[in-house]
């Protein structure tokens, strides 16, 4: 039987976990609230594993399934994406009639109302659930906690926009080279991940070479210079 391709998450996180699982991989700021969250490679992998287990065990999906992701650039979004790819599912960055699951914020519910399964993220820094969800809608923060923080991939299909995991990983490494990002860099970004190119350039490129990402939501221009210093930023994008 033909050996299945390695998942995109394994291609991105595997070298990080082997080499340096404890160092920060994503440092997330929200300048509107003052929130700061820092995740090591190991912690990011734990969240991704919980998400993959949620997808496989609670929703019964596996490689070949399509999952709509309508979420802002956020550390929880990174965990969701990596979890989708660990589960072997294809990420769709927009409403899709063929998607079997949609992962959205409360504001995105109307856009995915026809999806067979929907999970809503509050994106609350303390993991608070979304209040008042309609019946049949899963609260991500509540459900994901019940799942294990280790995951063994069971296969993979297309990863993003019909492209394979290896094709996306190659694009991410090419983007990192074009942006001058290496394993020793701290990358400051406030770009969105709502398009394939934005996702590859903003999140996957740093991960693909083992760099560290400082991602800022609702950026305050007055804080940029101080943040570059305090976070030891070496690349701004």
Protein backbone atom coordinates (compact mmCIF):
# COMPACT_ATOMS: atom_id res chain seq x y z
CA UNK A 1 0.00 0.00 0.00
CA UNK A 2 1.28 3.50 -0.85
CA UNK A 3 2.69 5.38 2.13
CA UNK A 4 0.64 8.42 3.04
CA UNK A 5 2.23 11.87 2.87
CA UNK A 6 3.44 13.46 6.09
CA UNK A 7 0.98 16.03 7.42
CA UNK A 8 1.73 19.73 7.08
CA UNK A 9 1.79 20.07 10.86
CA UNK A 10 4.46 17.38 11.16
CA UNK A 11 6.51 19.10 8.46
CA UNK A 12 6.24 22.46 10.26
CA UNK A 13 6.35 21.49 13.93
CA UNK A 14 8.39 18.28 13.77
CA UNK A 15 11.81 19.95 13.42
CA UNK A 16 10.90 22.54 16.09
CA UNK A 17 9.84 19.87 18.57
CA UNK A 18 12.95 17.81 17.88
CA UNK A 19 15.35 20.74 18.21
CA UNK A 20 13.90 23.24 20.67
CA UNK A 21 10.38 22.60 21.99
CA UNK A 22 10.63 25.04 24.92
CA UNK A 23 11.45 28.33 23.17
CA UNK A 24 8.64 30.76 22.21
CA UNK A 25 7.14 30.13 18.76
CA UNK A 26 4.17 32.49 18.85
CA UNK A 27 3.91 35.58 21.04
CA UNK A 28 0.48 37.13 20.57
CA UNK A 29 -0.49 40.70 21.45
CA UNK A 30 -3.87 42.40 21.22
CA UNK A 31 -3.24 46.12 21.54
CA UNK A 32 -6.97 46.78 21.97
CA UNK A 33 -7.09 44.80 25.22
CA UNK A 34 -3.46 44.70 26.34
CA UNK A 35 -3.43 40.89 26.18
CA UNK A 36 -0.12 39.07 25.72
CA UNK A 37 0.10 35.29 25.31
CA UNK A 38 3.29 33.34 24.64
CA UNK A 39 3.36 29.76 23.38
CA UNK A 40 6.35 27.46 23.13
CA UNK A 41 6.56 24.90 20.37
CA UNK A 42 5.47 22.21 22.83
CA UNK A 43 2.45 24.20 24.03
CA UNK A 44 1.42 25.03 20.46
CA UNK A 45 1.67 21.32 19.61
CA UNK A 46 -0.50 20.43 22.62
CA UNK A 47 -3.24 22.81 21.48
CA UNK A 48 -2.98 21.51 17.92
CA UNK A 49 -3.27 17.94 19.19
CA UNK A 50 -6.37 18.79 21.25
CA UNK A 51 -7.91 20.37 18.15
CA UNK A 52 -7.03 17.38 15.97
CA UNK A 53 -8.58 15.01 18.52
CA UNK A 54 -11.68 17.19 18.62
CA UNK A 55 -11.97 17.07 14.83
CA UNK A 56 -11.43 13.31 14.59
CA UNK A 57 -13.22 12.04 17.68
CA UNK A 58 -16.04 14.53 18.27
CA UNK A 59 -16.85 15.38 14.66
CA UNK A 60 -15.74 12.09 13.10
CA UNK A 61 -13.65 13.71 10.38
CA UNK A 62 -10.36 12.57 8.91
CA UNK A 63 -8.09 13.02 5.91
CA UNK A 64 -9.96 14.22 2.85
CA UNK A 65 -12.55 16.21 4.80
CA UNK A 66 -12.82 19.95 4.21
CA UNK A 67 -12.90 22.42 7.10
CA UNK A 68 -13.85 26.07 6.77
CA UNK A 69 -11.73 28.37 8.96
CA UNK A 70 -13.05 31.93 9.33
CA UNK A 71 -10.86 33.32 12.10
CA UNK A 72 -8.58 36.32 12.57
CA UNK A 73 -4.82 36.07 12.96
CA UNK A 74 -4.63 34.85 16.56
CA UNK A 75 -2.70 32.25 18.54
CA UNK A 76 -5.81 30.09 18.81
CA UNK A 77 -6.21 30.27 15.04
CA UNK A 78 -2.68 28.92 14.67
CA UNK A 79 -3.60 26.00 16.94
CA UNK A 80 -6.81 25.38 14.97
CA UNK A 81 -5.00 25.37 11.62
CA UNK A 82 -2.26 23.06 12.83
CA UNK A 83 -4.91 20.82 14.38
CA UNK A 84 -6.82 20.65 11.09
CA UNK A 85 -3.67 19.65 9.24
CA UNK A 86 -2.68 17.11 11.87
CA UNK A 87 -6.12 15.55 11.44
CA UNK A 88 -5.37 15.40 7.71
CA UNK A 89 -8.20 17.72 6.72
CA UNK A 90 -8.09 20.46 4.09
CA UNK A 91 -8.41 24.05 5.29
CA UNK A 92 -10.74 26.33 3.35
CA UNK A 93 -10.36 30.05 4.11
CA UNK A 94 -13.94 31.01 3.41
CA UNK A 95 -17.50 29.62 3.30
CA UNK A 96 -17.62 26.37 1.34
CA UNK A 97 -20.65 24.27 0.49
CA UNK A 98 -18.57 21.08 0.66
CA UNK A 99 -17.05 21.77 4.08
CA UNK A 100 -18.05 19.28 6.77
CA UNK A 101 -17.03 21.54 9.64
CA UNK A 102 -16.72 25.29 10.13
CA UNK A 103 -14.54 26.92 12.79
CA UNK A 104 -15.58 30.54 13.26
CA UNK A 105 -16.13 33.36 15.72
CA UNK A 106 -19.65 34.26 16.79
CA UNK A 107 -19.65 37.02 14.17
CA UNK A 108 -19.10 34.46 11.40
CA UNK A 109 -22.02 32.18 12.21
CA UNK A 110 -24.32 33.50 9.49
CA UNK A 111 -21.70 32.87 6.81
CA UNK A 112 -21.51 29.14 7.62
CA UNK A 113 -25.10 28.44 8.66
CA UNK A 114 -25.35 25.53 6.19
CA UNK A 115 -22.28 23.68 7.47
CA UNK A 116 -23.10 20.25 8.94
CA UNK A 117 -20.96 20.99 12.01
CA UNK A 118 -19.96 24.35 13.48
CA UNK A 119 -17.59 25.18 16.33
CA UNK A 120 -17.34 28.74 17.61
CA UNK A 121 -14.26 30.28 19.20
CA UNK A 122 -14.56 33.10 21.72
CA UNK A 123 -10.81 33.92 21.37
CA UNK A 124 -11.01 34.95 25.03
CA UNK A 125 -7.51 35.02 26.60
CA UNK A 126 -8.78 33.09 29.62
CA UNK A 127 -10.67 30.56 27.51
CA UNK A 128 -14.18 31.72 28.40
CA UNK A 129 -17.00 30.07 26.41
CA UNK A 130 -19.25 31.90 23.97
CA UNK A 131 -22.52 32.76 25.75
CA UNK A 132 -25.91 32.02 24.24
CA UNK A 133 -24.89 29.75 21.36
CA UNK A 134 -27.81 28.23 19.41
CA UNK A 135 -28.54 24.52 19.96
CA UNK A 136 -26.33 22.23 17.91
CA UNK A 137 -23.39 24.66 17.81
CA UNK A 138 -20.22 23.54 19.58
CA UNK A 139 -18.30 25.87 21.86
CA UNK A 140 -14.66 25.26 20.98
CA UNK A 141 -13.18 26.41 24.30
CA UNK A 142 -15.41 24.08 26.30
CA UNK A 143 -15.07 21.04 24.05
CA UNK A 144 -11.37 21.18 23.18
CA UNK A 145 -10.36 20.95 26.87
CA UNK A 146 -11.85 17.46 27.04
CA UNK A 147 -9.46 16.08 24.45
CA UNK A 148 -5.95 14.73 24.80
CA UNK A 149 -2.85 16.82 24.15
CA UNK A 150 -1.11 14.12 22.09
CA UNK A 151 -2.12 13.05 18.60
CA UNK A 152 -0.97 10.41 16.15
CA UNK A 153 -1.75 11.36 12.52
CA UNK A 154 -3.79 8.87 10.54
CA UNK A 155 -3.12 10.22 7.05
CA UNK A 156 -3.48 13.41 5.07
CA UNK A 157 -5.14 14.78 1.98
CA UNK A 158 -4.96 18.25 0.39
CA UNK A 159 -3.89 20.87 2.92
CA UNK A 160 -4.90 24.27 1.52
CA UNK A 161 -6.47 25.43 -1.76
CA UNK A 162 -6.21 21.91 -3.15
CA UNK A 163 -2.44 21.84 -2.67
CA UNK A 164 -0.70 19.05 -0.80
CA UNK A 165 1.04 19.38 2.54
CA UNK A 166 4.46 19.19 0.88
CA UNK A 167 3.55 21.85 -1.69
CA UNK A 168 2.43 24.23 1.06
CA UNK A 169 5.51 23.50 3.17
CA UNK A 170 7.71 24.24 0.14
CA UNK A 171 5.87 27.52 -0.47
CA UNK A 172 6.37 28.46 3.19
CA UNK A 173 10.11 27.84 3.02
CA UNK A 174 10.36 29.81 -0.23
CA UNK A 175 8.46 32.67 1.41
CA UNK A 176 10.78 32.60 4.42
CA UNK A 177 13.80 32.83 2.13
CA UNK A 178 12.26 35.70 0.17
CA UNK A 179 11.49 37.58 3.42
CA UNK A 180 14.95 36.93 4.84
CA UNK A 181 13.61 34.87 7.77
CA UNK A 182 15.87 32.28 9.39
CA UNK A 183 15.72 30.05 12.46
CA UNK A 184 17.26 32.67 14.72
CA UNK A 185 14.79 35.45 13.86
CA UNK A 186 11.98 37.03 15.86
CA UNK A 187 9.40 38.17 13.29
CA UNK A 188 6.97 41.01 14.06
CA UNK A 189 3.75 40.98 12.04
CA UNK A 190 0.21 42.32 12.12
CA UNK A 191 -0.85 40.78 8.81
CA UNK A 192 -4.05 38.78 8.43
CA UNK A 193 -4.22 35.07 7.59
CA UNK A 194 -7.53 35.16 5.69
CA UNK A 195 -5.97 34.38 2.29
CA UNK A 196 -3.64 31.55 1.32
CA UNK A 197 -0.79 33.95 0.56
CA UNK A 198 -1.32 35.87 3.80
CA UNK A 199 -1.33 32.64 5.78
CA UNK A 200 1.78 31.25 4.09
CA UNK A 201 3.74 34.50 4.41
CA UNK A 202 2.54 35.47 7.88
CA UNK A 203 2.36 32.23 9.88
CA UNK A 204 3.74 29.29 7.95
CA UNK A 205 6.93 30.90 6.67
CA UNK A 206 8.32 31.60 10.18
CA UNK A 207 7.29 28.15 11.42
CA UNK A 208 8.81 26.43 8.39
CA UNK A 209 12.32 27.58 9.32
CA UNK A 210 11.91 27.44 13.09
CA UNK A 211 11.69 31.20 13.63
CA UNK A 212 9.60 32.86 16.33
CA UNK A 213 6.54 34.97 15.46
CA UNK A 214 5.36 38.05 17.36
CA UNK A 215 1.81 38.52 16.05
CA UNK A 216 -0.07 41.72 16.90
CA UNK A 217 -3.82 42.26 16.60
CA UNK A 218 -5.29 45.77 16.50
CA UNK A 219 -1.76 47.22 16.36
CA UNK A 220 -1.04 50.54 18.03
CA UNK A 221 1.64 52.34 15.96
CA UNK A 222 2.89 54.09 19.09
CA UNK A 223 3.93 50.73 20.57
CA UNK A 224 5.91 49.35 17.63
CA UNK A 225 9.33 50.76 18.48
CA UNK A 226 9.18 49.67 22.11
CA UNK A 227 7.92 46.22 21.11
CA UNK A 228 10.78 45.75 18.68
CA UNK A 229 13.15 46.34 21.58
CA UNK A 230 11.38 44.34 24.28
CA UNK A 231 10.68 41.34 22.03
CA UNK A 232 14.12 41.47 20.37
CA UNK A 233 12.52 41.61 16.94
CA UNK A 234 14.90 41.06 14.02
CA UNK A 235 12.44 41.03 11.10
CA UNK A 236 9.38 43.24 10.58
CA UNK A 237 6.82 42.46 7.92
